[in-house]
Amino acid sequence: MNIPVTVNDIRRVLQSEGYEDVYDWYDSPEFEYHDHTHQGDSVIWVMSGSMDIGLPDEHIRLTAGQRYTIPATIIHNALMGPEGCQYVTGETKPHES
């Protein structure tokens, strides 16, 4: 299996998995996203730096090369590491109720 190494490689992989609006992003050191939700599953794939994700029952630390999917409607927050974080993210279509 080939491991994606560029933003475009990762974008193609995520789009093939059904993620939409896939884009790369950079957040500055210690930048924080307060509690929020997404209507669809949300994926984060870290390119460089680190990100801590707070979920109701666990804490996830992502570093370069790691990815994590946050299920739809789960309350979560995020804090970027001391070097900031560059990542690729996308979201699936909203889940039907």
Protein backbone atom coordinates (compact mmCIF):
# COMPACT_ATOMS: atom_id res chain seq x y z
CA MET A 1 0.00 0.00 0.00
CA ASN A 2 1.30 3.47 -0.90
CA ILE A 3 1.20 5.95 1.95
CA PRO A 4 0.00 9.41 0.87
CA VAL A 5 2.72 12.01 1.35
CA THR A 6 1.46 15.22 -0.28
CA VAL A 7 -1.60 17.32 0.37
CA ASN A 8 -2.95 16.36 -3.07
CA ASP A 9 -2.41 12.64 -2.33
CA ILE A 10 -4.29 12.96 0.96
CA ARG A 11 -7.04 15.03 -0.67
CA ARG A 12 -7.56 12.29 -3.28
CA VAL A 13 -7.68 9.55 -0.62
CA LEU A 14 -10.22 11.44 1.49
CA GLN A 15 -12.41 12.33 -1.48
CA SER A 16 -12.40 8.66 -2.54
CA GLU A 17 -13.65 7.82 0.97
CA GLY A 18 -16.62 10.18 0.59
CA TYR A 19 -15.31 13.32 2.28
CA GLU A 20 -16.36 16.61 0.70
CA ASP A 21 -14.92 20.11 0.87
CA VAL A 22 -11.49 18.63 1.51
CA TYR A 23 -8.85 21.30 2.04
CA ASP A 24 -5.54 21.88 3.78
CA TRP A 25 -5.30 24.31 6.66
CA TYR A 26 -2.76 25.73 9.07
CA ASP A 27 -3.47 26.90 12.61
CA SER A 28 -0.94 28.90 14.59
CA PRO A 29 0.72 27.65 17.79
CA GLU A 30 -1.69 27.14 20.69
CA PHE A 31 -4.72 28.10 18.55
CA GLU A 32 -7.89 26.71 20.11
CA TYR A 33 -11.27 25.63 18.78
CA HIS A 34 -13.87 25.58 21.54
CA ASP A 35 -16.58 22.91 21.86
CA HIS A 36 -18.48 22.43 18.60
CA THR A 37 -20.01 19.74 16.37
CA HIS A 38 -20.26 18.90 12.67
CA GLN A 39 -23.31 17.53 10.87
CA GLY A 40 -21.25 14.91 9.02
CA ASP A 41 -18.23 12.84 10.01
CA SER A 42 -15.16 15.09 10.10
CA VAL A 43 -11.64 13.87 9.34
CA ILE A 44 -8.32 15.45 10.30
CA TRP A 45 -5.02 14.26 8.77
CA VAL A 46 -1.99 16.02 10.24
CA MET A 47 0.84 16.99 7.86
CA SER A 48 3.11 18.73 10.38
CA GLY A 49 2.97 19.91 13.96
CA SER A 50 0.42 18.52 16.38
CA MET A 51 -3.18 18.84 17.51
CA ASP A 52 -4.93 17.71 20.69
CA ILE A 53 -8.59 16.78 20.25
CA GLY A 54 -10.88 16.69 23.27
CA LEU A 55 -13.88 14.36 23.03
CA PRO A 56 -16.49 13.58 25.70
CA ASP A 57 -14.75 10.36 26.83
CA GLU A 58 -11.20 10.61 25.51
CA HIS A 59 -8.32 12.83 24.51
CA ILE A 60 -6.49 12.29 21.20
CA ARG A 61 -3.07 13.70 20.27
CA LEU A 62 -2.35 13.74 16.55
CA THR A 63 1.11 14.27 15.09
CA ALA A 64 2.48 14.29 11.54
CA GLY A 65 1.15 11.40 9.48
CA GLN A 66 -1.75 10.56 11.80
CA ARG A 67 -5.43 10.90 11.04
CA TYR A 68 -8.61 10.73 13.07
CA THR A 69 -12.30 10.75 12.22
CA ILE A 70 -14.72 12.53 14.54
CA PRO A 71 -18.22 11.07 14.20
CA ALA A 72 -21.07 13.40 13.27
CA THR A 73 -22.69 15.44 16.07
CA ILE A 74 -20.03 14.54 18.68
CA ILE A 75 -19.05 17.56 20.75
CA HIS A 76 -15.30 18.14 20.53
CA ASN A 77 -12.63 20.81 20.80
CA ALA A 78 -9.06 21.16 19.58
CA LEU A 79 -5.83 22.79 20.70
CA MET A 80 -2.85 23.15 18.38
CA GLY A 81 0.62 22.26 19.60
CA PRO A 82 3.45 24.70 20.32
CA GLU A 83 4.62 24.55 16.67
CA GLY A 84 1.14 24.98 15.21
CA CYS A 85 -0.50 22.41 12.98
CA GLN A 86 -0.86 21.94 9.23
CA TYR A 87 -3.55 19.43 8.33
CA VAL A 88 -5.98 18.26 5.69
CA THR A 89 -9.63 18.13 6.69
CA GLY A 90 -12.97 17.26 5.18
CA GLU A 91 -16.50 16.29 6.12
CA THR A 92 -19.03 13.76 4.85
CA LYS A 93 -22.57 14.76 3.94
CA PRO A 94 -24.77 15.37 6.99
CA HIS A 95 -26.22 12.21 8.47
CA GLU A 96 -29.97 11.68 8.07
CA SER A 97 -32.00 11.88 11.29
